[in-house]
Amino acid sequence: MPPPPIGKIMKLLVLSGTGNPNAHEREVAREKAETLMARHGITREQMRELYRQDHGLPPKPPPGTRPGPSRPRQGPPPEDPLEWERLQRELLAREAAAQEAAVKARLARAQAERQRAAREAGEKAELTARLRAAITQTINVHKDFADFIDGLASLGVQMVVPAENAVERLIYRWPPSKVAVTTADLGPGHDWPALLGAGIRLDTRNLRHREALSLLYLG
């Protein structure tokens, strides 16, 4: 049989004590606590001893004897029922404080994640607008592929092909930014077929064109 759930039983005993003004809740908690203690074959007195052991307190001395010297402890053993309830309430308060701290930590992490995502989304939106304008401007000025790549570079824009033979998967970068923008983000008119359709001339037999193309894959 697994060990008795000391913490759970103690919580129920606290709720069943005189410190709880709700009579119905006291009765329900008392019945649940007694059911759990009966299931594990322990009495209230044994629960107190388990509580002592769980908190490093010395065992209760036999009747008629005086306890000998013991190591310092946080408080007296729960001889009095009111003292027993006070110690249990302290345990519940510590557990509640730990749970509250854990919730606050989770909320803080979630807020930091939302702030990071919002910051990245703002950076990407700003970068997308700048790239869209720079690409449109360069298309209007340069129709030769090598000149088009050089024109983008002069504006600080880098075109990158992420995989061999996948020119249609172009992405654009503005090197100071860590955000990459895909042609889908930029919208119609900025992917590889659209560039060719806008009049950009690519001749793979041309040395300058081949060198410019190789820079896309190296990026």
C-alpha atoms as a PDB file:
ATOM      1  CA  MET A   1       0.000   0.000   0.000  1.00  0.00           C
ATOM      2  CA  PRO A   2       1.371   3.469  -0.842  1.00  0.00           C
ATOM      3  CA  PRO A   3       2.223   5.794   2.071  1.00  0.00           C
ATOM      4  CA  PRO A   4      -0.581   8.000   3.365  1.00  0.00           C
ATOM      5  CA  PRO A   5      -0.911  11.422   1.680  1.00  0.00           C
ATOM      6  CA  ILE A   6       0.127  13.417   4.743  1.00  0.00           C
ATOM      7  CA  GLY A   7      -0.200  16.812   3.077  1.00  0.00           C
ATOM      8  CA  LYS A   8      -3.701  16.091   1.752  1.00  0.00           C
ATOM      9  CA  ILE A   9      -4.951  14.713   5.059  1.00  0.00           C
ATOM     10  CA  MET A  10      -3.512  17.679   6.947  1.00  0.00           C
ATOM     11  CA  LYS A  11      -5.298  20.094   4.616  1.00  0.00           C
ATOM     12  CA  LEU A  12      -8.571  18.280   5.260  1.00  0.00           C
ATOM     13  CA  LEU A  13      -7.945  18.351   9.008  1.00  0.00           C
ATOM     14  CA  VAL A  14      -7.362  22.094   8.830  1.00  0.00           C
ATOM     15  CA  LEU A  15     -10.642  22.581   6.988  1.00  0.00           C
ATOM     16  CA  SER A  16     -12.405  20.406   9.551  1.00  0.00           C
ATOM     17  CA  GLY A  17     -11.088  22.460  12.465  1.00  0.00           C
ATOM     18  CA  THR A  18     -12.740  25.235  14.449  1.00  0.00           C
ATOM     19  CA  GLY A  19     -10.899  27.867  12.426  1.00  0.00           C
ATOM     20  CA  ASN A  20     -13.187  27.151   9.457  1.00  0.00           C
ATOM     21  CA  PRO A  21     -16.481  29.098   9.873  1.00  0.00           C
ATOM     22  CA  ASN A  22     -18.277  26.962   7.258  1.00  0.00           C
ATOM     23  CA  ALA A  23     -19.953  24.124   9.179  1.00  0.00           C
ATOM     24  CA  HIS A  24     -20.811  22.110   6.079  1.00  0.00           C
ATOM     25  CA  GLU A  25     -17.272  22.384   4.756  1.00  0.00           C
ATOM     26  CA  ARG A  26     -15.900  21.324   8.158  1.00  0.00           C
ATOM     27  CA  GLU A  27     -18.085  18.217   8.164  1.00  0.00           C
ATOM     28  CA  VAL A  28     -17.221  17.238   4.583  1.00  0.00           C
ATOM     29  CA  ALA A  29     -13.503  17.744   5.251  1.00  0.00           C
ATOM     30  CA  ARG A  30     -13.719  15.705   8.476  1.00  0.00           C
ATOM     31  CA  GLU A  31     -15.404  12.807   6.669  1.00  0.00           C
ATOM     32  CA  LYS A  32     -12.835  12.853   3.847  1.00  0.00           C
ATOM     33  CA  ALA A  33      -9.939  12.998   6.309  1.00  0.00           C
ATOM     34  CA  GLU A  34     -11.327  10.114   8.364  1.00  0.00           C
ATOM     35  CA  THR A  35     -11.946   8.090   5.193  1.00  0.00           C
ATOM     36  CA  LEU A  36      -8.333   8.582   4.066  1.00  0.00           C
ATOM     37  CA  MET A  37      -6.956   7.764   7.530  1.00  0.00           C
ATOM     38  CA  ALA A  38      -9.127   4.646   7.736  1.00  0.00           C
ATOM     39  CA  ARG A  39      -8.026   3.572   4.267  1.00  0.00           C
ATOM     40  CA  HIS A  40      -4.391   3.753   5.363  1.00  0.00           C
ATOM     41  CA  GLY A  41      -5.077   2.394   8.845  1.00  0.00           C
ATOM     42  CA  ILE A  42      -3.870   5.425  10.799  1.00  0.00           C
ATOM     43  CA  THR A  43      -5.377   7.458  13.609  1.00  0.00           C
ATOM     44  CA  ARG A  44      -5.235  11.190  14.297  1.00  0.00           C
ATOM     45  CA  GLU A  45      -2.531  10.576  16.867  1.00  0.00           C
ATOM     46  CA  GLN A  46      -0.496   8.647  14.297  1.00  0.00           C
ATOM     47  CA  MET A  47      -1.044  11.495  11.847  1.00  0.00           C
ATOM     48  CA  ARG A  48       0.485  13.845  14.391  1.00  0.00           C
ATOM     49  CA  GLU A  49       3.517  11.589  14.676  1.00  0.00           C
ATOM     50  CA  LEU A  50       3.791  11.425  10.899  1.00  0.00           C
ATOM     51  CA  TYR A  51       3.598  15.204  10.848  1.00  0.00           C
ATOM     52  CA  ARG A  52       6.435  15.350  13.381  1.00  0.00           C
ATOM     53  CA  GLN A  53       8.561  13.016  11.277  1.00  0.00           C
ATOM     54  CA  ASP A  54       7.760  14.896   8.070  1.00  0.00           C
ATOM     55  CA  HIS A  55       8.885  18.177   9.662  1.00  0.00           C
ATOM     56  CA  GLY A  56      11.880  16.787  11.544  1.00  0.00           C
ATOM     57  CA  LEU A  57      10.296  17.200  14.983  1.00  0.00           C
ATOM     58  CA  PRO A  58      11.188  14.836  17.860  1.00  0.00           C
ATOM     59  CA  PRO A  59       8.653  12.105  18.762  1.00  0.00           C
ATOM     60  CA  LYS A  60       6.105  12.795  21.446  1.00  0.00           C
ATOM     61  CA  PRO A  61       7.478  11.657  24.845  1.00  0.00           C
ATOM     62  CA  PRO A  62       5.609   8.841  26.649  1.00  0.00           C
ATOM     63  CA  PRO A  63       3.110   9.922  29.337  1.00  0.00           C
ATOM     64  CA  GLY A  64       4.754  10.832  32.638  1.00  0.00           C
ATOM     65  CA  THR A  65       8.175  11.539  31.137  1.00  0.00           C
ATOM     66  CA  ARG A  66       9.910  14.799  30.401  1.00  0.00           C
ATOM     67  CA  PRO A  67      11.445  15.272  26.988  1.00  0.00           C
ATOM     68  CA  GLY A  68      15.200  15.449  26.955  1.00  0.00           C
ATOM     69  CA  PRO A  69      17.251  18.097  25.157  1.00  0.00           C
ATOM     70  CA  SER A  70      16.757  18.135  21.423  1.00  0.00           C
ATOM     71  CA  ARG A  71      18.016  20.083  18.469  1.00  0.00           C
ATOM     72  CA  PRO A  72      16.477  23.502  17.828  1.00  0.00           C
ATOM     73  CA  ARG A  73      13.294  23.368  15.803  1.00  0.00           C
ATOM     74  CA  GLN A  74      10.948  25.863  14.242  1.00  0.00           C
ATOM     75  CA  GLY A  75       8.159  25.477  16.767  1.00  0.00           C
ATOM     76  CA  PRO A  76       6.745  23.363  19.578  1.00  0.00           C
ATOM     77  CA  PRO A  77       5.235  19.968  18.831  1.00  0.00           C
ATOM     78  CA  PRO A  78       1.503  20.175  18.202  1.00  0.00           C
ATOM     79  CA  GLU A  79       0.348  18.990  21.648  1.00  0.00           C
ATOM     80  CA  ASP A  80      -2.608  21.345  21.775  1.00  0.00           C
ATOM     81  CA  PRO A  81      -5.310  20.930  19.089  1.00  0.00           C
ATOM     82  CA  LEU A  82      -5.208  24.672  18.429  1.00  0.00           C
ATOM     83  CA  GLU A  83      -1.431  24.509  18.019  1.00  0.00           C
ATOM     84  CA  TRP A  84      -1.901  21.543  15.671  1.00  0.00           C
ATOM     85  CA  GLU A  85      -4.278  23.583  13.523  1.00  0.00           C
ATOM     86  CA  ARG A  86      -1.949  26.590  13.592  1.00  0.00           C
ATOM     87  CA  LEU A  87       0.946  24.504  12.288  1.00  0.00           C
ATOM     88  CA  GLN A  88      -1.261  23.052   9.585  1.00  0.00           C
ATOM     89  CA  ARG A  89      -2.424  26.516   8.557  1.00  0.00           C
ATOM     90  CA  GLU A  90       1.200  27.591   8.297  1.00  0.00           C
ATOM     91  CA  LEU A  91       1.865  24.629   6.023  1.00  0.00           C
ATOM     92  CA  LEU A  92      -1.077  25.560   3.813  1.00  0.00           C
ATOM     93  CA  ALA A  93       0.073  29.180   3.722  1.00  0.00           C
ATOM     94  CA  ARG A  94       3.566  28.136   2.594  1.00  0.00           C
ATOM     95  CA  GLU A  95       2.112  25.912  -0.107  1.00  0.00           C
ATOM     96  CA  ALA A  96      -0.206  28.707  -1.278  1.00  0.00           C
ATOM     97  CA  ALA A  97       2.719  31.148  -1.394  1.00  0.00           C
ATOM     98  CA  ALA A  98       4.780  28.681  -3.440  1.00  0.00           C
ATOM     99  CA  GLN A  99       1.893  28.145  -5.856  1.00  0.00           C
ATOM    100  CA  GLU A 100       1.375  31.908  -6.194  1.00  0.00           C
ATOM    101  CA  ALA A 101       5.076  32.407  -6.920  1.00  0.00           C
ATOM    102  CA  ALA A 102       4.960  29.678  -9.574  1.00  0.00           C
ATOM    103  CA  VAL A 103       1.918  31.282 -11.219  1.00  0.00           C
ATOM    104  CA  LYS A 104       3.623  34.693 -11.226  1.00  0.00           C
ATOM    105  CA  ALA A 105       6.729  33.169 -12.803  1.00  0.00           C
ATOM    106  CA  ARG A 106       4.639  31.525 -15.547  1.00  0.00           C
ATOM    107  CA  LEU A 107       2.811  34.789 -16.219  1.00  0.00           C
ATOM    108  CA  ALA A 108       6.106  36.684 -16.396  1.00  0.00           C
ATOM    109  CA  ARG A 109       7.528  34.177 -18.892  1.00  0.00           C
ATOM    110  CA  ALA A 110       4.362  34.336 -20.989  1.00  0.00           C
ATOM    111  CA  GLN A 111       4.438  38.143 -20.988  1.00  0.00           C
ATOM    112  CA  ALA A 112       8.111  38.164 -22.017  1.00  0.00           C
ATOM    113  CA  GLU A 113       7.310  35.749 -24.859  1.00  0.00           C
ATOM    114  CA  ARG A 114       4.412  37.930 -26.039  1.00  0.00           C
ATOM    115  CA  GLN A 115       6.619  41.018 -25.954  1.00  0.00           C
ATOM    116  CA  ARG A 116       9.334  39.223 -27.933  1.00  0.00           C
ATOM    117  CA  ALA A 117       6.817  38.023 -30.529  1.00  0.00           C
ATOM    118  CA  ALA A 118       5.299  41.511 -30.837  1.00  0.00           C
ATOM    119  CA  ARG A 119       8.762  43.046 -31.240  1.00  0.00           C
ATOM    120  CA  GLU A 120       9.696  40.564 -33.966  1.00  0.00           C
ATOM    121  CA  ALA A 121       6.372  41.106 -35.725  1.00  0.00           C
ATOM    122  CA  GLY A 122       6.931  44.867 -35.675  1.00  0.00           C
ATOM    123  CA  GLU A 123      10.462  44.489 -37.019  1.00  0.00           C
ATOM    124  CA  LYS A 124       9.252  42.206 -39.781  1.00  0.00           C
ATOM    125  CA  ALA A 125       6.422  44.562 -40.787  1.00  0.00           C
ATOM    126  CA  GLU A 126       8.809  47.511 -40.962  1.00  0.00           C
ATOM    127  CA  LEU A 127      11.415  45.522 -42.875  1.00  0.00           C
ATOM    128  CA  THR A 128       8.810  44.194 -45.312  1.00  0.00           C
ATOM    129  CA  ALA A 129       7.645  47.708 -46.171  1.00  0.00           C
ATOM    130  CA  ARG A 130      11.231  48.901 -46.707  1.00  0.00           C
ATOM    131  CA  LEU A 131      12.120  45.888 -48.841  1.00  0.00           C
ATOM    132  CA  ARG A 132       9.005  46.225 -50.963  1.00  0.00           C
ATOM    133  CA  ALA A 133       9.866  49.843 -51.789  1.00  0.00           C
ATOM    134  CA  ALA A 134      13.551  49.071 -52.429  1.00  0.00           C
ATOM    135  CA  ILE A 135      12.766  46.154 -54.776  1.00  0.00           C
ATOM    136  CA  THR A 136      10.212  48.179 -56.732  1.00  0.00           C
ATOM    137  CA  GLN A 137      12.659  51.053 -57.085  1.00  0.00           C
ATOM    138  CA  THR A 138      15.455  48.744 -58.282  1.00  0.00           C
ATOM    139  CA  ILE A 139      13.234  46.972 -60.814  1.00  0.00           C
ATOM    140  CA  ASN A 140      12.320  50.340 -62.330  1.00  0.00           C
ATOM    141  CA  VAL A 141      15.987  51.326 -62.699  1.00  0.00           C
ATOM    142  CA  HIS A 142      17.788  48.052 -63.543  1.00  0.00           C
ATOM    143  CA  LYS A 143      16.625  45.372 -65.987  1.00  0.00           C
ATOM    144  CA  ASP A 144      19.935  43.528 -66.267  1.00  0.00           C
ATOM    145  CA  PHE A 145      20.101  40.753 -63.657  1.00  0.00           C
ATOM    146  CA  ALA A 146      23.614  41.581 -62.455  1.00  0.00           C
ATOM    147  CA  ASP A 147      22.787  45.294 -62.296  1.00  0.00           C
ATOM    148  CA  PHE A 148      19.565  44.458 -60.430  1.00  0.00           C
ATOM    149  CA  ILE A 149      21.490  42.477 -57.786  1.00  0.00           C
ATOM    150  CA  ASP A 150      24.094  45.263 -57.509  1.00  0.00           C
ATOM    151  CA  GLY A 151      21.331  47.845 -57.220  1.00  0.00           C
ATOM    152  CA  LEU A 152      19.709  45.964 -54.344  1.00  0.00           C
ATOM    153  CA  ALA A 153      23.092  45.592 -52.645  1.00  0.00           C
ATOM    154  CA  SER A 154      23.661  49.349 -52.917  1.00  0.00           C
ATOM    155  CA  LEU A 155      20.443  49.802 -50.928  1.00  0.00           C
ATOM    156  CA  GLY A 156      21.563  47.252 -48.354  1.00  0.00           C
ATOM    157  CA  VAL A 157      19.224  44.507 -49.557  1.00  0.00           C
ATOM    158  CA  GLN A 158      20.436  40.925 -49.912  1.00  0.00           C
ATOM    159  CA  MET A 159      18.669  38.281 -52.008  1.00  0.00           C
ATOM    160  CA  VAL A 160      19.231  34.685 -50.899  1.00  0.00           C
ATOM    161  CA  VAL A 161      18.291  31.331 -52.403  1.00  0.00           C
ATOM    162  CA  PRO A 162      17.945  28.905 -49.473  1.00  0.00           C
ATOM    163  CA  ALA A 163      18.481  25.716 -51.499  1.00  0.00           C
ATOM    164  CA  GLU A 164      20.194  24.647 -54.679  1.00  0.00           C
ATOM    165  CA  ASN A 165      17.956  24.892 -57.762  1.00  0.00           C
ATOM    166  CA  ALA A 166      15.196  26.611 -55.755  1.00  0.00           C
ATOM    167  CA  VAL A 167      15.301  30.138 -57.118  1.00  0.00           C
ATOM    168  CA  GLU A 168      11.528  30.335 -56.720  1.00  0.00           C
ATOM    169  CA  ARG A 169      12.075  30.209 -52.934  1.00  0.00           C
ATOM    170  CA  LEU A 170      13.859  33.545 -52.762  1.00  0.00           C
ATOM    171  CA  ILE A 171      14.103  35.364 -49.461  1.00  0.00           C
ATOM    172  CA  TYR A 172      15.227  38.932 -48.857  1.00  0.00           C
ATOM    173  CA  ARG A 173      17.325  40.253 -46.000  1.00  0.00           C
ATOM    174  CA  TRP A 174      18.387  43.608 -44.755  1.00  0.00           C
ATOM    175  CA  PRO A 175      21.684  42.554 -43.098  1.00  0.00           C
ATOM    176  CA  PRO A 176      21.330  44.805 -39.996  1.00  0.00           C
ATOM    177  CA  SER A 177      18.075  42.965 -39.260  1.00  0.00           C
ATOM    178  CA  LYS A 178      17.940  39.335 -38.167  1.00  0.00           C
ATOM    179  CA  VAL A 179      14.546  38.907 -39.829  1.00  0.00           C
ATOM    180  CA  ALA A 180      14.241  37.243 -43.231  1.00  0.00           C
ATOM    181  CA  VAL A 181      11.301  38.121 -45.471  1.00  0.00           C
ATOM    182  CA  THR A 182       9.938  35.634 -47.989  1.00  0.00           C
ATOM    183  CA  THR A 183       8.439  36.575 -51.323  1.00  0.00           C
ATOM    184  CA  ALA A 184       5.058  35.488 -49.929  1.00  0.00           C
ATOM    185  CA  ASP A 185       5.437  38.097 -47.182  1.00  0.00           C
ATOM    186  CA  LEU A 186       6.175  40.769 -49.782  1.00  0.00           C
ATOM    187  CA  GLY A 187       3.125  39.917 -51.814  1.00  0.00           C
ATOM    188  CA  PRO A 188       2.591  39.608 -55.598  1.00  0.00           C
ATOM    189  CA  GLY A 189       5.291  40.935 -57.900  1.00  0.00           C
ATOM    190  CA  HIS A 190       8.377  39.998 -55.875  1.00  0.00           C
ATOM    191  CA  ASP A 191       8.941  36.296 -56.502  1.00  0.00           C
ATOM    192  CA  TRP A 192      11.281  34.942 -59.169  1.00  0.00           C
ATOM    193  CA  PRO A 193       8.697  34.532 -61.955  1.00  0.00           C
ATOM    194  CA  ALA A 194       7.412  38.060 -61.258  1.00  0.00           C
ATOM    195  CA  LEU A 195      10.938  39.500 -61.496  1.00  0.00           C
ATOM    196  CA  LEU A 196      11.419  37.834 -64.833  1.00  0.00           C
ATOM    197  CA  GLY A 197       7.984  39.026 -65.897  1.00  0.00           C
ATOM    198  CA  ALA A 198       8.942  42.582 -64.924  1.00  0.00           C
ATOM    199  CA  GLY A 199      11.751  42.451 -67.492  1.00  0.00           C
ATOM    200  CA  ILE A 200      14.772  41.359 -65.448  1.00  0.00           C
ATOM    201  CA  ARG A 201      17.059  39.635 -67.937  1.00  0.00           C
ATOM    202  CA  LEU A 202      19.065  36.609 -66.777  1.00  0.00           C
ATOM    203  CA  ASP A 203      21.571  34.974 -69.137  1.00  0.00           C
ATOM    204  CA  THR A 204      23.442  32.075 -67.549  1.00  0.00           C
ATOM    205  CA  ARG A 205      26.041  32.297 -70.319  1.00  0.00           C
ATOM    206  CA  ASN A 206      26.943  35.780 -69.081  1.00  0.00           C
ATOM    207  CA  LEU A 207      29.856  35.690 -66.594  1.00  0.00           C
ATOM    208  CA  ARG A 208      28.527  38.625 -64.571  1.00  0.00           C
ATOM    209  CA  HIS A 209      25.125  36.994 -64.364  1.00  0.00           C
ATOM    210  CA  ARG A 210      26.624  33.685 -63.209  1.00  0.00           C
ATOM    211  CA  GLU A 211      28.688  35.468 -60.551  1.00  0.00           C
ATOM    212  CA  ALA A 212      25.639  37.403 -59.341  1.00  0.00           C
ATOM    213  CA  LEU A 213      23.619  34.184 -59.264  1.00  0.00           C
ATOM    214  CA  SER A 214      26.308  32.414 -57.251  1.00  0.00           C
ATOM    215  CA  LEU A 215      26.126  35.191 -54.649  1.00  0.00           C
ATOM    216  CA  LEU A 216      22.468  34.355 -54.079  1.00  0.00           C
ATOM    217  CA  TYR A 217      23.373  30.790 -53.110  1.00  0.00           C
ATOM    218  CA  LEU A 218      26.348  31.862 -51.009  1.00  0.00           C
ATOM    219  CA  GLY A 219      24.204  34.265 -48.998  1.00  0.00           C
END
